[in-house]
Amino acid sequence: MSANREDAIVARLRAALRRAPAVAGIGDDCAAVEAPRGKLLLLKTDCVVERRHFRASDSPTAVGWKAVCRAVSDIAACGGEPQHALVTCVLRDKQTGRWLDGLYCGIEKAGREFGFHVVGGELARTDGPAVINVAMTGTVARREFVGRGGGRIGDLFYVTGTLGGSLRSGWHLRFCPRLREARWLAKNIRPTAMMDLSDGLAADLPRLAAESGTGFVIDAESVPRRRGVTLRAALSDGEDFELLFAVPKAKAARLEREWKRKFPALRLTRIGHLAKRGMAQGLGAARGYDHFARP
């Protein structure tokens, strides 16, 4: 269903590793391992790379916000809550003063907003582009954990917010992880599968379907777009950090009714359904973002 080269590399590494005693591992938004008192420990690592995820001219406070909020968004997509973070900064000499102070201003702002603490990290020097890596832990009640792999044929899938144009609009630096919304979904609706949209719907939807052992049919014209954004961009741009999730048809009416009451300011759109394995309809030539795509 996906010609994404990054997915092929991940699949090769996944096959090379011994199967870990984990509830979720490679191929999900977070790793999830058993913890005491009916909980799961969520483990996530993510990074932003200068000239790929941010520009040298971008506000360092915004870069710090983005670096940690990417990890928060993945923990949210599993139904969890973030707890602790380790931040590794690989920087050029000129970035170790006011730029680094601004970076941590953004990190601390996100920590206050989403309830996690930075408890350590590492500093290293580079002559090349800067890299900020974040390792984050979170927790979730085992019964509320949502992975990518639970979707079933016939389940309807939804997206939050609007998609596309994230780089042009600056959304990729100021997005708000859908933590509150994901926690509500995990507690009240229990999606069968969920993930956040980081590489574009055209890349991420096939991943959710593959992990669930299904295919998909999408009504592309129903995909919610930012003003002035083409359908192709909405499917392919990435860096949206909205939620994509699947629910059984029997829950759809309740979900849509209660969502409007609980989150009136955030759009929720039904865009398709999961289908038999191998079916992939509605994306056309859109492919999403691939870190390792050949030019």
Protein backbone atom coordinates (compact mmCIF):
# COMPACT_ATOMS: atom_id res chain seq x y z
CA MET A 1 0.00 0.00 0.00
CA SER A 2 2.94 2.33 0.51
CA ALA A 3 6.04 2.83 -1.63
CA ASN A 4 7.68 4.82 1.17
CA ARG A 5 11.40 4.00 1.36
CA GLU A 6 11.53 4.94 5.05
CA ASP A 7 8.91 2.26 5.77
CA ALA A 8 11.03 -0.33 3.98
CA ILE A 9 14.07 0.57 6.10
CA VAL A 10 12.02 0.34 9.30
CA ALA A 11 10.64 -3.04 8.24
CA ARG A 12 14.17 -4.36 7.61
CA LEU A 13 15.37 -3.21 11.04
CA ARG A 14 12.26 -4.59 12.69
CA ALA A 15 12.95 -8.01 11.17
CA ALA A 16 16.58 -7.92 12.32
CA LEU A 17 15.74 -7.33 16.00
CA ARG A 18 14.62 -9.92 18.51
CA ARG A 19 10.97 -9.57 19.41
CA ALA A 20 10.81 -7.55 22.62
CA PRO A 21 8.43 -8.36 25.51
CA ALA A 22 6.37 -5.24 24.86
CA VAL A 23 2.71 -4.42 24.32
CA ALA A 24 3.72 -2.18 21.39
CA GLY A 25 7.07 -1.58 19.74
CA ILE A 26 8.56 -0.74 16.37
CA GLY A 27 5.82 0.40 14.01
CA ASP A 28 3.72 2.20 16.62
CA ASP A 29 3.77 5.83 17.77
CA CYS A 30 5.38 4.80 21.08
CA ALA A 31 6.83 1.69 22.60
CA ALA A 32 4.61 0.44 25.43
CA VAL A 33 5.76 -1.91 28.20
CA GLU A 34 4.01 -3.29 31.25
CA ALA A 35 4.12 -1.19 34.42
CA PRO A 36 2.63 -1.71 37.92
CA ARG A 37 -1.01 -1.19 38.88
CA GLY A 38 -2.56 -1.88 35.50
CA LYS A 39 -0.60 0.79 33.64
CA LEU A 40 1.71 0.87 30.64
CA LEU A 41 4.95 2.83 30.43
CA LEU A 42 5.17 4.70 27.12
CA LEU A 43 8.60 5.36 25.60
CA LYS A 44 9.20 7.76 22.74
CA THR A 45 12.20 9.34 21.04
CA ASP A 46 12.07 11.98 18.29
CA CYS A 47 14.37 14.55 16.77
CA VAL A 48 14.35 17.74 14.75
CA VAL A 49 17.14 18.51 12.31
CA GLU A 50 18.13 22.00 11.17
CA ARG A 51 17.39 22.68 7.49
CA ARG A 52 14.93 19.80 7.47
CA HIS A 53 12.53 20.43 10.36
CA PHE A 54 13.43 24.05 11.09
CA ARG A 55 15.50 26.90 9.67
CA ALA A 56 18.39 28.71 11.32
CA SER A 57 16.31 31.88 11.14
CA ASP A 58 13.36 30.37 13.04
CA SER A 59 12.73 31.45 16.63
CA PRO A 60 14.66 29.11 18.94
CA THR A 61 11.72 29.22 21.35
CA ALA A 62 9.48 27.88 18.58
CA VAL A 63 12.07 25.21 17.74
CA GLY A 64 12.15 24.09 21.39
CA TRP A 65 8.35 23.93 21.49
CA LYS A 66 8.28 21.85 18.32
CA ALA A 67 11.04 19.49 19.41
CA VAL A 68 9.26 18.35 22.56
CA CYS A 69 5.70 18.65 21.28
CA ARG A 70 6.42 16.11 18.55
CA ALA A 71 7.01 13.55 21.31
CA VAL A 72 3.96 14.75 23.28
CA SER A 73 1.85 14.27 20.14
CA ASP A 74 2.97 10.64 19.81
CA ILE A 75 2.22 9.90 23.47
CA ALA A 76 -1.18 11.53 23.03
CA ALA A 77 -1.86 9.30 20.02
CA CYS A 78 -1.51 6.26 22.30
CA GLY A 79 -4.02 7.71 24.75
CA GLY A 80 -1.31 8.54 27.28
CA GLU A 81 0.03 11.44 29.30
CA PRO A 82 3.67 12.62 29.15
CA GLN A 83 5.82 12.48 32.27
CA HIS A 84 9.57 12.99 31.84
CA ALA A 85 11.92 14.05 29.04
CA LEU A 86 15.62 13.85 28.24
CA VAL A 87 16.84 16.42 25.72
CA THR A 88 20.02 16.01 23.67
CA CYS A 89 21.26 19.12 21.85
CA VAL A 90 23.90 18.75 19.12
CA LEU A 91 24.82 22.36 18.34
CA ARG A 92 27.24 24.62 16.53
CA ASP A 93 29.36 26.92 18.72
CA LYS A 94 27.27 29.99 17.98
CA GLN A 95 24.10 28.23 19.17
CA THR A 96 25.27 27.60 22.75
CA GLY A 97 24.40 31.06 24.11
CA ARG A 98 21.18 33.00 23.61
CA TRP A 99 19.92 30.53 20.98
CA LEU A 100 20.13 27.65 23.47
CA ASP A 101 18.47 29.77 26.16
CA GLY A 102 15.59 30.47 23.76
CA LEU A 103 15.34 26.79 22.84
CA TYR A 104 14.89 25.83 26.49
CA CYS A 105 12.37 28.62 26.97
CA GLY A 106 10.17 26.87 24.39
CA ILE A 107 10.81 23.46 25.94
CA GLU A 108 9.86 24.68 29.42
CA LYS A 109 6.75 26.42 28.08
CA ALA A 110 5.59 23.12 26.58
CA GLY A 111 6.39 21.30 29.82
CA ARG A 112 4.15 23.63 31.80
CA GLU A 113 1.38 23.32 29.22
CA PHE A 114 1.41 19.52 28.92
CA GLY A 115 2.58 18.41 32.35
CA PHE A 116 6.03 16.90 31.79
CA HIS A 117 9.46 17.71 33.25
CA VAL A 118 12.89 17.73 31.62
CA VAL A 119 15.04 15.61 33.94
CA GLY A 120 18.30 15.43 31.98
CA GLY A 121 19.95 15.23 28.60
CA GLU A 122 23.23 15.75 26.77
CA LEU A 123 25.14 18.45 24.91
CA ALA A 124 27.45 17.85 21.95
CA ARG A 125 29.15 20.02 19.35
CA THR A 126 28.80 19.76 15.58
CA ASP A 127 30.13 21.60 12.53
CA GLY A 128 27.00 20.68 10.62
CA PRO A 129 23.28 21.27 11.10
CA ALA A 130 21.96 21.27 14.66
CA VAL A 131 19.97 18.30 15.92
CA ILE A 132 17.64 18.31 18.92
CA ASN A 133 16.66 14.85 20.16
CA VAL A 134 13.95 14.28 22.75
CA ALA A 135 13.37 11.02 24.65
CA MET A 136 10.09 11.09 26.59
CA THR A 137 8.20 8.79 28.91
CA GLY A 138 4.49 8.69 29.54
CA THR A 139 1.86 6.50 31.14
CA VAL A 140 -1.54 5.18 30.21
CA ALA A 141 -3.97 2.77 31.84
CA ARG A 142 -3.65 -0.53 30.00
CA ARG A 143 -7.36 -0.57 29.14
CA GLU A 144 -7.05 2.91 27.59
CA PHE A 145 -3.97 2.29 25.43
CA VAL A 146 -4.63 2.78 21.71
CA GLY A 147 -2.10 1.57 19.14
CA ARG A 148 -2.09 1.57 15.38
CA GLY A 149 -2.85 -2.13 15.06
CA GLY A 150 -6.39 -2.61 16.37
CA GLY A 151 -8.43 -1.37 13.42
CA ARG A 152 -10.95 -3.72 11.83
CA ILE A 153 -12.54 -3.94 8.41
CA GLY A 154 -15.54 -1.60 8.31
CA ASP A 155 -14.26 0.77 10.99
CA LEU A 156 -14.72 4.43 10.10
CA PHE A 157 -11.74 6.73 10.33
CA TYR A 158 -11.61 10.40 11.26
CA VAL A 159 -9.13 13.26 11.40
CA THR A 160 -9.08 16.26 13.71
CA GLY A 161 -8.46 19.83 12.57
CA THR A 162 -7.39 20.77 9.06
CA LEU A 163 -4.47 19.51 6.97
CA GLY A 164 -1.84 20.85 4.60
CA GLY A 165 0.27 23.99 4.31
CA SER A 166 1.96 23.50 7.68
CA LEU A 167 5.34 24.84 6.56
CA ARG A 168 3.97 27.81 4.66
CA SER A 169 1.64 28.80 7.49
CA GLY A 170 4.14 28.20 10.29
CA TRP A 171 1.81 25.66 11.91
CA HIS A 172 4.67 23.14 12.13
CA LEU A 173 6.35 25.39 14.73
CA ARG A 174 3.30 26.29 16.82
CA PHE A 175 0.98 23.28 16.63
CA CYS A 176 -0.79 22.12 19.78
CA PRO A 177 -0.59 18.36 20.42
CA ARG A 178 -4.11 16.95 20.72
CA LEU A 179 -3.43 15.60 24.20
CA ARG A 180 -6.73 16.55 25.82
CA GLU A 181 -8.74 15.28 22.86
CA ALA A 182 -6.83 11.98 22.66
CA ARG A 183 -7.24 11.36 26.38
CA TRP A 184 -10.99 11.92 26.06
CA LEU A 185 -11.17 9.55 23.10
CA ALA A 186 -9.22 6.84 24.94
CA LYS A 187 -11.42 7.09 28.03
CA ASN A 188 -14.83 7.52 26.41
CA ILE A 189 -14.86 6.25 22.82
CA ARG A 190 -12.03 3.69 22.79
CA PRO A 191 -10.84 3.99 19.17
CA THR A 192 -9.65 0.72 17.70
CA ALA A 193 -6.57 2.41 16.21
CA MET A 194 -5.04 5.87 16.43
CA MET A 195 -1.91 7.79 15.42
CA ASP A 196 -0.78 11.36 14.90
CA LEU A 197 -0.23 12.77 11.43
CA SER A 198 3.41 13.78 11.03
CA ASP A 199 4.37 12.61 7.52
CA GLY A 200 1.11 13.45 5.79
CA LEU A 201 -2.13 11.51 5.54
CA ALA A 202 -0.94 9.77 2.35
CA ALA A 203 1.99 8.25 4.25
CA ASP A 204 0.42 7.73 7.66
CA LEU A 205 -2.96 6.22 6.75
CA PRO A 206 -1.33 3.28 4.91
CA ARG A 207 0.80 2.70 8.02
CA LEU A 208 -2.23 2.53 10.30
CA ALA A 209 -3.97 0.18 7.88
CA ALA A 210 -0.88 -2.04 7.52
CA GLU A 211 -0.45 -2.36 11.29
CA SER A 212 -4.16 -3.24 11.56
CA GLY A 213 -3.92 -5.83 8.78
CA THR A 214 -6.46 -3.98 6.66
CA GLY A 215 -6.72 -1.78 3.61
CA PHE A 216 -8.58 1.52 3.32
CA VAL A 217 -10.98 3.55 1.23
CA ILE A 218 -10.75 7.32 1.60
CA ASP A 219 -13.09 9.98 0.29
CA ALA A 220 -10.31 12.42 -0.61
CA GLU A 221 -12.69 15.30 -1.31
CA SER A 222 -13.86 15.18 2.30
CA VAL A 223 -10.33 15.71 3.69
CA PRO A 224 -10.39 19.00 5.67
CA ARG A 225 -7.90 21.54 4.28
CA ARG A 226 -6.48 24.81 5.46
CA ARG A 227 -7.55 27.84 3.51
CA GLY A 228 -5.78 28.03 0.15
CA VAL A 229 -4.35 24.50 0.37
CA THR A 230 -4.75 22.03 -2.50
CA LEU A 231 -5.99 18.50 -1.96
CA ARG A 232 -2.59 17.13 -2.96
CA ALA A 233 -0.91 19.30 -0.31
CA ALA A 234 -3.44 18.29 2.36
CA LEU A 235 -2.66 14.64 1.66
CA SER A 236 1.11 14.97 1.30
CA ASP A 237 2.61 17.94 3.17
CA GLY A 238 2.89 16.46 6.65
CA GLU A 239 3.78 18.18 9.95
CA ASP A 240 0.07 18.53 10.77
CA PHE A 241 0.18 16.72 14.14
CA GLU A 242 -3.54 16.07 14.08
CA LEU A 243 -5.11 12.77 15.16
CA LEU A 244 -6.11 10.02 12.75
CA PHE A 245 -8.24 7.33 14.39
CA ALA A 246 -10.67 4.52 13.64
CA VAL A 247 -13.91 3.60 15.42
CA PRO A 248 -16.56 0.94 14.83
CA LYS A 249 -19.61 2.16 12.90
CA ALA A 250 -21.77 1.59 15.97
CA LYS A 251 -19.90 4.33 17.83
CA ALA A 252 -19.88 6.92 15.05
CA ALA A 253 -23.11 8.77 15.90
CA ARG A 254 -22.21 9.04 19.58
CA LEU A 255 -18.68 10.19 18.77
CA GLU A 256 -19.83 12.93 16.41
CA ARG A 257 -22.57 14.13 18.78
CA GLU A 258 -20.38 14.24 21.89
CA TRP A 259 -17.35 15.68 20.08
CA LYS A 260 -19.34 18.77 19.06
CA ARG A 261 -20.32 19.33 22.65
CA LYS A 262 -16.90 18.61 24.18
CA PHE A 263 -14.62 20.24 21.56
CA PRO A 264 -16.74 22.79 19.66
CA ALA A 265 -13.69 24.72 18.41
CA LEU A 266 -11.91 21.72 16.85
CA ARG A 267 -13.16 20.23 13.63
CA LEU A 268 -13.71 16.46 13.38
CA THR A 269 -14.14 14.92 9.93
CA ARG A 270 -15.05 11.41 8.82
CA ILE A 271 -12.96 10.69 5.74
CA GLY A 272 -13.29 6.98 4.97
CA HIS A 273 -13.27 3.42 6.26
CA LEU A 274 -10.94 0.48 6.70
CA ALA A 275 -11.35 -2.23 4.08
CA LYS A 276 -9.94 -5.64 3.21
CA ARG A 277 -6.17 -6.04 3.16
CA GLY A 278 -4.57 -4.80 -0.04
CA MET A 279 -7.24 -2.25 -0.88
CA ALA A 280 -5.93 1.32 -1.09
CA GLN A 281 -8.42 3.68 -2.70
CA GLY A 282 -8.61 7.45 -2.81
CA LEU A 283 -5.05 8.72 -2.39
CA GLY A 284 -4.25 8.90 -6.08
CA ALA A 285 -0.60 9.79 -6.67
CA ALA A 286 -0.13 11.42 -3.25
CA ARG A 287 2.64 9.81 -1.22
CA GLY A 288 3.38 11.89 1.89
CA TYR A 289 6.80 12.72 3.28
CA ASP A 290 9.65 10.22 3.13
CA HIS A 291 12.91 11.03 4.95
CA PHE A 292 14.86 8.75 2.63
CA ALA A 293 13.16 9.42 -0.71
CA ARG A 294 15.58 9.66 -3.58
CA PRO A 295 15.49 12.99 -5.43
